[in-house]
Amino acid sequence: MRTPVFKGNVVVSNLPSTMTADDLADLFDQYGLVLGAKIERWHDRPGGAQGMVDLAPDTSVDKAIAALHGSMVGAQKLSVRRAPKPAAKAKKPAAPRPPLPVPFSAAKDAMARPAAPPMAFPANTAPVRKVVVEYRTPRRIVLPPRTPRSGEAS
């Protein structure tokens, strides 16, 4: 099963190496409701770790950024900014619809007229399928009257 992607709305850079996700959540807790916090550490890059915080409501994000950007935690100066919003996926254009079936009255009129040249249809059109649903009430089963068996009192 694929793990869900954490989508925070605040990015905190230059975190101390001793900071945990709970410490990061506690840091932002006074500004709003912390829905989640995550810290990513890179061993090949200097400059501390980077964290993401999901903070609600959206107005508290601006207050937290204004208060915590440039503040010192341990020996590190934090860089706090709003997380970039994900780009919207481009939608593919819809495939063209196949032509509608000809109503019966129009087909009847076409039979009376002289034949027209055949129309060219695209090769990839799917046949139009028609589904008819019938609703029926169940039949009532009537059983014949029961006759007593031999030795049975009626």
N, C-alpha and C. Protein backbone atom coordinates (compact mmCIF):
# COMPACT_ATOMS: atom_id res chain seq x y z
N MET A 1 0.84 -1.17 0.00
CA MET A 1 0.00 0.00 0.00
C MET A 1 0.89 1.24 0.00
N ARG A 2 0.51 2.23 -0.75
CA ARG A 2 1.28 3.45 -0.86
C ARG A 2 0.99 4.34 0.35
N THR A 3 2.05 4.91 0.94
CA THR A 3 1.86 5.79 2.09
C THR A 3 1.39 7.14 1.60
N PRO A 4 0.50 7.79 2.35
CA PRO A 4 0.01 9.09 1.92
C PRO A 4 1.11 10.14 1.99
N VAL A 5 1.07 11.09 1.10
CA VAL A 5 2.06 12.16 1.05
C VAL A 5 1.65 13.22 2.06
N PHE A 6 2.61 13.65 2.89
CA PHE A 6 2.34 14.69 3.89
C PHE A 6 2.34 16.03 3.18
N LYS A 7 1.26 16.77 3.32
CA LYS A 7 1.15 18.08 2.68
C LYS A 7 1.02 19.15 3.75
N GLY A 8 2.13 19.74 4.10
CA GLY A 8 2.11 20.81 5.08
C GLY A 8 1.96 22.15 4.39
N ASN A 9 1.54 23.17 5.14
CA ASN A 9 1.40 24.48 4.53
C ASN A 9 2.47 25.47 5.01
N VAL A 10 3.42 25.01 5.87
CA VAL A 10 4.54 25.82 6.33
C VAL A 10 5.81 24.99 6.20
N VAL A 11 6.86 25.59 5.62
CA VAL A 11 8.16 24.93 5.49
C VAL A 11 9.14 25.63 6.41
N VAL A 12 9.83 24.84 7.23
CA VAL A 12 10.81 25.38 8.18
C VAL A 12 12.17 24.80 7.80
N SER A 13 13.12 25.66 7.46
CA SER A 13 14.46 25.22 7.07
C SER A 13 15.46 25.55 8.17
N ASN A 14 16.62 24.88 8.11
CA ASN A 14 17.74 25.10 9.02
C ASN A 14 17.40 24.71 10.46
N LEU A 15 16.74 23.56 10.60
CA LEU A 15 16.40 23.07 11.94
C LEU A 15 17.62 22.43 12.59
N PRO A 16 17.73 22.48 13.92
CA PRO A 16 18.84 21.81 14.60
C PRO A 16 18.70 20.29 14.45
N SER A 17 19.81 19.60 14.50
CA SER A 17 19.79 18.16 14.30
C SER A 17 19.14 17.41 15.45
N THR A 18 19.01 18.05 16.60
CA THR A 18 18.39 17.40 17.76
C THR A 18 16.88 17.56 17.82
N MET A 19 16.32 18.38 16.94
CA MET A 19 14.88 18.65 16.99
C MET A 19 14.08 17.48 16.43
N THR A 20 12.98 17.14 17.11
CA THR A 20 12.09 16.08 16.65
C THR A 20 10.82 16.69 16.09
N ALA A 21 9.98 15.85 15.50
CA ALA A 21 8.72 16.33 14.94
C ALA A 21 7.79 16.84 16.04
N ASP A 22 7.85 16.22 17.22
CA ASP A 22 7.03 16.70 18.35
C ASP A 22 7.49 18.08 18.81
N ASP A 23 8.81 18.30 18.82
CA ASP A 23 9.33 19.63 19.20
C ASP A 23 8.88 20.68 18.19
N LEU A 24 8.90 20.32 16.93
CA LEU A 24 8.46 21.25 15.88
C LEU A 24 6.98 21.56 16.02
N ALA A 25 6.17 20.55 16.33
CA ALA A 25 4.74 20.78 16.54
C ALA A 25 4.50 21.67 17.75
N ASP A 26 5.27 21.47 18.81
CA ASP A 26 5.13 22.31 20.01
C ASP A 26 5.52 23.75 19.73
N LEU A 27 6.49 23.97 18.84
CA LEU A 27 6.92 25.31 18.49
C LEU A 27 5.79 26.09 17.80
N PHE A 28 5.01 25.40 16.97
CA PHE A 28 3.93 26.06 16.22
C PHE A 28 2.58 25.98 16.94
N ASP A 29 2.50 25.27 18.03
CA ASP A 29 1.23 25.03 18.71
C ASP A 29 0.58 26.31 19.23
N GLN A 30 1.35 27.31 19.59
CA GLN A 30 0.78 28.53 20.14
C GLN A 30 0.14 29.43 19.08
N TYR A 31 0.35 29.13 17.79
CA TYR A 31 -0.18 29.97 16.72
C TYR A 31 -1.45 29.42 16.09
N GLY A 32 -1.74 28.16 16.29
CA GLY A 32 -2.94 27.57 15.71
C GLY A 32 -2.97 26.08 15.98
N LEU A 33 -3.88 25.41 15.35
CA LEU A 33 -4.04 23.97 15.52
C LEU A 33 -3.05 23.25 14.60
N VAL A 34 -2.13 22.51 15.20
CA VAL A 34 -1.14 21.76 14.42
C VAL A 34 -1.75 20.42 14.04
N LEU A 35 -1.98 20.21 12.75
CA LEU A 35 -2.55 18.97 12.26
C LEU A 35 -1.49 17.90 12.06
N GLY A 36 -0.25 18.31 11.85
CA GLY A 36 0.83 17.36 11.66
C GLY A 36 2.15 18.08 11.49
N ALA A 37 3.23 17.37 11.79
CA ALA A 37 4.58 17.92 11.62
C ALA A 37 5.49 16.79 11.17
N LYS A 38 6.44 17.13 10.29
CA LYS A 38 7.36 16.12 9.75
C LYS A 38 8.72 16.78 9.56
N ILE A 39 9.77 16.02 9.85
CA ILE A 39 11.14 16.52 9.67
C ILE A 39 11.88 15.58 8.73
N GLU A 40 12.58 16.16 7.76
CA GLU A 40 13.42 15.39 6.84
C GLU A 40 14.87 15.78 7.08
N ARG A 41 15.72 14.78 7.19
CA ARG A 41 17.15 15.03 7.41
C ARG A 41 17.96 14.46 6.25
N TRP A 42 18.96 15.22 5.81
CA TRP A 42 19.85 14.76 4.75
C TRP A 42 21.25 14.67 5.34
N HIS A 43 21.84 13.53 5.22
CA HIS A 43 23.18 13.35 5.78
C HIS A 43 24.26 13.88 4.84
N ASP A 44 23.93 14.02 3.56
CA ASP A 44 24.93 14.49 2.61
C ASP A 44 24.92 16.01 2.46
N ARG A 45 23.93 16.71 3.06
CA ARG A 45 23.84 18.16 2.94
C ARG A 45 24.06 18.82 4.29
N PRO A 46 24.93 19.81 4.36
CA PRO A 46 25.06 20.54 5.62
C PRO A 46 23.94 21.56 5.75
N GLY A 47 23.76 22.10 6.93
CA GLY A 47 22.78 23.17 7.11
C GLY A 47 21.54 22.75 7.85
N GLY A 48 21.59 21.63 8.52
CA GLY A 48 20.44 21.22 9.32
C GLY A 48 19.38 20.51 8.51
N ALA A 49 18.25 20.31 9.16
CA ALA A 49 17.15 19.57 8.55
C ALA A 49 16.06 20.54 8.10
N GLN A 50 15.10 19.99 7.39
CA GLN A 50 13.96 20.78 6.92
C GLN A 50 12.70 20.12 7.44
N GLY A 51 11.75 20.92 7.88
CA GLY A 51 10.50 20.38 8.40
C GLY A 51 9.30 21.00 7.72
N MET A 52 8.19 20.28 7.81
CA MET A 52 6.92 20.78 7.29
C MET A 52 5.89 20.68 8.40
N VAL A 53 5.06 21.70 8.50
CA VAL A 53 4.01 21.75 9.51
C VAL A 53 2.69 22.03 8.80
N ASP A 54 1.66 21.27 9.16
CA ASP A 54 0.32 21.52 8.65
C ASP A 54 -0.44 22.24 9.74
N LEU A 55 -0.71 23.52 9.52
CA LEU A 55 -1.27 24.40 10.53
C LEU A 55 -2.64 24.89 10.09
N ALA A 56 -3.60 24.91 11.00
CA ALA A 56 -4.95 25.40 10.68
C ALA A 56 -5.33 26.41 11.74
N PRO A 57 -6.12 27.37 11.47
CA PRO A 57 -6.67 27.83 10.20
C PRO A 57 -5.62 28.58 9.39
N ASP A 58 -5.98 28.94 8.19
CA ASP A 58 -5.02 29.54 7.26
C ASP A 58 -4.51 30.90 7.75
N THR A 59 -5.31 31.61 8.54
CA THR A 59 -4.85 32.92 9.05
C THR A 59 -3.73 32.76 10.06
N SER A 60 -3.67 31.63 10.75
CA SER A 60 -2.61 31.43 11.74
C SER A 60 -1.26 31.14 11.07
N VAL A 61 -1.28 30.74 9.81
CA VAL A 61 -0.03 30.49 9.08
C VAL A 61 0.78 31.78 8.96
N ASP A 62 0.10 32.86 8.59
CA ASP A 62 0.80 34.14 8.43
C ASP A 62 1.35 34.65 9.77
N LYS A 63 0.59 34.45 10.85
CA LYS A 63 1.06 34.87 12.18
C LYS A 63 2.30 34.08 12.60
N ALA A 64 2.29 32.78 12.34
CA ALA A 64 3.42 31.93 12.72
C ALA A 64 4.66 32.28 11.91
N ILE A 65 4.49 32.55 10.62
CA ILE A 65 5.64 32.91 9.77
C ILE A 65 6.25 34.22 10.24
N ALA A 66 5.38 35.20 10.54
CA ALA A 66 5.88 36.50 10.99
C ALA A 66 6.62 36.39 12.32
N ALA A 67 6.16 35.51 13.20
CA ALA A 67 6.77 35.41 14.52
C ALA A 67 8.04 34.55 14.53
N LEU A 68 8.08 33.50 13.73
CA LEU A 68 9.18 32.54 13.83
C LEU A 68 10.28 32.69 12.78
N HIS A 69 10.03 33.43 11.69
CA HIS A 69 11.07 33.58 10.67
C HIS A 69 12.23 34.39 11.24
N GLY A 70 13.43 33.81 11.20
CA GLY A 70 14.62 34.48 11.71
C GLY A 70 14.86 34.25 13.19
N SER A 71 14.00 33.53 13.87
CA SER A 71 14.21 33.29 15.30
C SER A 71 15.26 32.20 15.49
N MET A 72 15.88 32.18 16.66
CA MET A 72 16.94 31.23 16.96
C MET A 72 16.38 30.06 17.75
N VAL A 73 16.67 28.86 17.31
CA VAL A 73 16.33 27.64 18.04
C VAL A 73 17.63 26.87 18.17
N GLY A 74 18.08 26.74 19.41
CA GLY A 74 19.41 26.16 19.62
C GLY A 74 20.44 27.13 19.08
N ALA A 75 21.30 26.67 18.20
CA ALA A 75 22.30 27.53 17.58
C ALA A 75 21.94 27.83 16.12
N GLN A 76 20.73 27.48 15.71
CA GLN A 76 20.32 27.63 14.32
C GLN A 76 19.31 28.77 14.18
N LYS A 77 19.45 29.54 13.10
CA LYS A 77 18.50 30.60 12.78
C LYS A 77 17.47 30.02 11.81
N LEU A 78 16.20 29.98 12.21
CA LEU A 78 15.16 29.33 11.40
C LEU A 78 14.77 30.18 10.20
N SER A 79 14.44 29.49 9.14
CA SER A 79 13.87 30.12 7.95
C SER A 79 12.48 29.51 7.77
N VAL A 80 11.45 30.32 7.95
CA VAL A 80 10.07 29.85 7.90
C VAL A 80 9.36 30.53 6.74
N ARG A 81 8.71 29.73 5.91
CA ARG A 81 7.98 30.28 4.76
C ARG A 81 6.76 29.41 4.47
N ARG A 82 5.86 29.97 3.68
CA ARG A 82 4.66 29.23 3.26
C ARG A 82 5.06 28.19 2.22
N ALA A 83 4.49 27.01 2.32
CA ALA A 83 4.80 25.94 1.37
C ALA A 83 4.17 26.26 0.01
N PRO A 84 4.88 25.93 -1.07
CA PRO A 84 4.29 26.19 -2.38
C PRO A 84 3.10 25.27 -2.61
N LYS A 85 2.10 25.82 -3.26
CA LYS A 85 0.91 25.00 -3.57
C LYS A 85 1.24 24.11 -4.76
N PRO A 86 0.73 22.87 -4.74
CA PRO A 86 1.01 21.98 -5.86
C PRO A 86 0.35 22.50 -7.14
N ALA A 87 1.05 22.31 -8.24
CA ALA A 87 0.53 22.75 -9.53
C ALA A 87 -0.66 21.88 -9.92
N ALA A 88 -1.66 22.50 -10.50
CA ALA A 88 -2.84 21.76 -10.93
C ALA A 88 -2.49 20.91 -12.15
N LYS A 89 -2.99 19.71 -12.16
CA LYS A 89 -2.72 18.82 -13.29
C LYS A 89 -3.54 19.27 -14.49
N ALA A 90 -2.89 19.24 -15.63
CA ALA A 90 -3.57 19.61 -16.86
C ALA A 90 -4.50 18.47 -17.27
N LYS A 91 -5.72 18.83 -17.61
CA LYS A 91 -6.68 17.81 -18.01
C LYS A 91 -6.54 17.54 -19.50
N LYS A 92 -6.70 16.26 -19.83
CA LYS A 92 -6.67 15.90 -21.24
C LYS A 92 -7.98 16.31 -21.89
N PRO A 93 -7.94 16.73 -23.14
CA PRO A 93 -9.19 17.08 -23.79
C PRO A 93 -10.06 15.82 -23.95
N ALA A 94 -11.34 16.03 -23.85
CA ALA A 94 -12.27 14.91 -23.95
C ALA A 94 -12.29 14.36 -25.37
N ALA A 95 -12.45 13.06 -25.47
CA ALA A 95 -12.54 12.42 -26.78
C ALA A 95 -13.85 12.81 -27.44
N PRO A 96 -13.86 12.93 -28.77
CA PRO A 96 -15.11 13.30 -29.44
C PRO A 96 -16.15 12.19 -29.26
N ARG A 97 -17.39 12.61 -29.09
CA ARG A 97 -18.47 11.66 -28.91
C ARG A 97 -18.89 11.06 -30.25
N PRO A 98 -19.32 9.80 -30.22
CA PRO A 98 -19.81 9.21 -31.45
C PRO A 98 -21.14 9.85 -31.84
N PRO A 99 -21.50 9.81 -33.11
CA PRO A 99 -22.75 10.44 -33.53
C PRO A 99 -23.96 9.75 -32.87
N LEU A 100 -24.99 10.53 -32.64
CA LEU A 100 -26.19 10.00 -32.01
C LEU A 100 -26.93 9.09 -32.98
N PRO A 101 -27.64 8.07 -32.47
CA PRO A 101 -28.41 7.22 -33.36
C PRO A 101 -29.56 7.99 -33.98
N VAL A 102 -29.95 7.59 -35.16
CA VAL A 102 -31.01 8.26 -35.90
C VAL A 102 -32.35 7.81 -35.33
N PRO A 103 -33.26 8.75 -34.99
CA PRO A 103 -34.57 8.36 -34.50
C PRO A 103 -35.33 7.55 -35.56
N PHE A 104 -36.29 6.75 -35.14
CA PHE A 104 -37.02 5.87 -36.04
C PHE A 104 -37.76 6.64 -37.13
N SER A 105 -38.38 7.78 -36.76
CA SER A 105 -39.14 8.54 -37.75
C SER A 105 -38.21 9.09 -38.83
N ALA A 106 -37.01 9.52 -38.45
CA ALA A 106 -36.06 10.04 -39.44
C ALA A 106 -35.57 8.91 -40.33
N ALA A 107 -35.40 7.71 -39.77
CA ALA A 107 -34.97 6.57 -40.58
C ALA A 107 -36.05 6.19 -41.57
N LYS A 108 -37.32 6.29 -41.15
CA LYS A 108 -38.44 5.96 -42.04
C LYS A 108 -38.49 6.95 -43.20
N ASP A 109 -38.25 8.25 -42.89
CA ASP A 109 -38.24 9.27 -43.95
C ASP A 109 -37.06 9.05 -44.89
N ALA A 110 -35.94 8.61 -44.38
CA ALA A 110 -34.77 8.39 -45.22
C ALA A 110 -35.00 7.25 -46.19
N MET A 111 -35.82 6.28 -45.80
CA MET A 111 -36.12 5.16 -46.71
C MET A 111 -36.95 5.62 -47.89
N ALA A 112 -37.80 6.63 -47.69
CA ALA A 112 -38.67 7.11 -48.76
C ALA A 112 -37.89 7.97 -49.74
N ARG A 113 -36.84 8.61 -49.29
CA ARG A 113 -36.05 9.48 -50.17
C ARG A 113 -35.06 8.65 -50.98
N PRO A 114 -34.54 9.26 -52.04
CA PRO A 114 -33.50 8.55 -52.78
C PRO A 114 -32.25 8.40 -51.91
N ALA A 115 -31.50 7.39 -52.20
CA ALA A 115 -30.31 7.08 -51.40
C ALA A 115 -29.28 8.19 -51.51
N ALA A 116 -28.73 8.56 -50.38
CA ALA A 116 -27.68 9.58 -50.33
C ALA A 116 -26.33 8.87 -50.37
N PRO A 117 -25.28 9.57 -50.73
CA PRO A 117 -23.96 8.93 -50.73
C PRO A 117 -23.61 8.48 -49.31
N PRO A 118 -22.89 7.38 -49.16
CA PRO A 118 -22.57 6.90 -47.82
C PRO A 118 -21.71 7.90 -47.06
N MET A 119 -21.95 8.00 -45.76
CA MET A 119 -21.19 8.92 -44.91
C MET A 119 -19.95 8.20 -44.39
N ALA A 120 -18.88 8.94 -44.28
CA ALA A 120 -17.64 8.36 -43.75
C ALA A 120 -17.64 8.53 -42.23
N PHE A 121 -17.57 7.42 -41.51
CA PHE A 121 -17.50 7.45 -40.06
C PHE A 121 -16.07 7.21 -39.62
N PRO A 122 -15.68 7.80 -38.50
CA PRO A 122 -14.35 7.52 -37.99
C PRO A 122 -14.22 6.04 -37.64
N ALA A 123 -13.02 5.51 -37.81
CA ALA A 123 -12.80 4.08 -37.61
C ALA A 123 -12.86 3.68 -36.14
N ASN A 124 -12.66 4.61 -35.23
CA ASN A 124 -12.59 4.24 -33.82
C ASN A 124 -13.87 4.48 -33.04
N THR A 125 -15.00 4.61 -33.70
CA THR A 125 -16.25 4.82 -32.97
C THR A 125 -16.76 3.51 -32.42
N ALA A 126 -17.23 3.56 -31.23
CA ALA A 126 -17.77 2.36 -30.58
C ALA A 126 -19.24 2.22 -30.94
N PRO A 127 -19.74 1.00 -31.04
CA PRO A 127 -21.15 0.84 -31.34
C PRO A 127 -22.00 1.34 -30.17
N VAL A 128 -23.16 1.89 -30.51
CA VAL A 128 -24.06 2.39 -29.50
C VAL A 128 -24.86 1.22 -28.96
N ARG A 129 -24.80 1.04 -27.66
CA ARG A 129 -25.52 -0.07 -27.03
C ARG A 129 -26.74 0.48 -26.33
N LYS A 130 -27.85 -0.21 -26.47
CA LYS A 130 -29.09 0.22 -25.85
C LYS A 130 -29.46 -0.80 -24.79
N VAL A 131 -29.79 -0.33 -23.63
CA VAL A 131 -30.17 -1.21 -22.53
C VAL A 131 -31.62 -0.92 -22.17
N VAL A 132 -32.42 -1.97 -22.10
CA VAL A 132 -33.82 -1.83 -21.72
C VAL A 132 -34.00 -2.53 -20.38
N VAL A 133 -34.54 -1.82 -19.42
CA VAL A 133 -34.78 -2.38 -18.10
C VAL A 133 -36.27 -2.54 -17.92
N GLU A 134 -36.69 -3.73 -17.57
CA GLU A 134 -38.10 -3.98 -17.34
C GLU A 134 -38.33 -4.21 -15.87
N TYR A 135 -39.39 -3.65 -15.37
CA TYR A 135 -39.78 -3.85 -13.99
C TYR A 135 -41.06 -4.68 -13.99
N ARG A 136 -41.04 -5.77 -13.29
CA ARG A 136 -42.22 -6.62 -13.20
C ARG A 136 -42.54 -6.87 -11.74
N THR A 137 -43.81 -7.01 -11.48
CA THR A 137 -44.21 -7.40 -10.13
C THR A 137 -44.17 -8.92 -10.06
N PRO A 138 -43.73 -9.47 -8.96
CA PRO A 138 -43.65 -10.94 -8.89
C PRO A 138 -45.04 -11.57 -8.90
N ARG A 139 -45.12 -12.73 -9.50
CA ARG A 139 -46.39 -13.44 -9.52
C ARG A 139 -46.69 -13.99 -8.14
N ARG A 140 -47.93 -14.01 -7.84
CA ARG A 140 -48.34 -14.58 -6.56
C ARG A 140 -48.60 -16.07 -6.78
N ILE A 141 -47.94 -16.87 -5.99
CA ILE A 141 -48.09 -18.31 -6.12
C ILE A 141 -49.24 -18.76 -5.22
N VAL A 142 -50.21 -19.41 -5.83
CA VAL A 142 -51.35 -19.90 -5.08
C VAL A 142 -51.19 -21.41 -4.92
N LEU A 143 -51.14 -21.86 -3.68
CA LEU A 143 -51.00 -23.29 -3.40
C LEU A 143 -52.37 -23.91 -3.25
N PRO A 144 -52.50 -25.17 -3.69
CA PRO A 144 -53.79 -25.83 -3.51
C PRO A 144 -54.03 -26.08 -2.03
N PRO A 145 -55.30 -26.23 -1.63
CA PRO A 145 -55.58 -26.48 -0.21
C PRO A 145 -54.91 -27.77 0.24
N ARG A 146 -54.47 -27.77 1.45
CA ARG A 146 -53.74 -28.91 1.99
C ARG A 146 -54.72 -30.00 2.40
N THR A 147 -54.42 -31.21 1.97
CA THR A 147 -55.26 -32.36 2.37
C THR A 147 -54.57 -33.05 3.52
N PRO A 148 -55.34 -33.49 4.52
CA PRO A 148 -54.71 -34.16 5.65
C PRO A 148 -54.14 -35.50 5.26
N ARG A 149 -53.03 -35.84 5.84
CA ARG A 149 -52.39 -37.12 5.59
C ARG A 149 -53.13 -38.21 6.41
N SER A 150 -52.86 -39.44 6.03
CA SER A 150 -53.50 -40.52 6.77
C SER A 150 -52.97 -40.55 8.19
N GLY A 151 -53.82 -40.72 9.15
CA GLY A 151 -53.46 -40.75 10.55
C GLY A 151 -53.36 -39.38 11.17
N GLU A 152 -53.61 -38.34 10.41
CA GLU A 152 -53.51 -36.98 10.91
C GLU A 152 -54.91 -36.47 11.20
N ALA A 153 -55.07 -35.79 12.30
CA ALA A 153 -56.40 -35.25 12.64
C ALA A 153 -56.61 -33.98 11.85
N SER A 154 -57.83 -33.83 11.36
CA SER A 154 -58.11 -32.65 10.57
C SER A 154 -58.71 -31.54 11.37
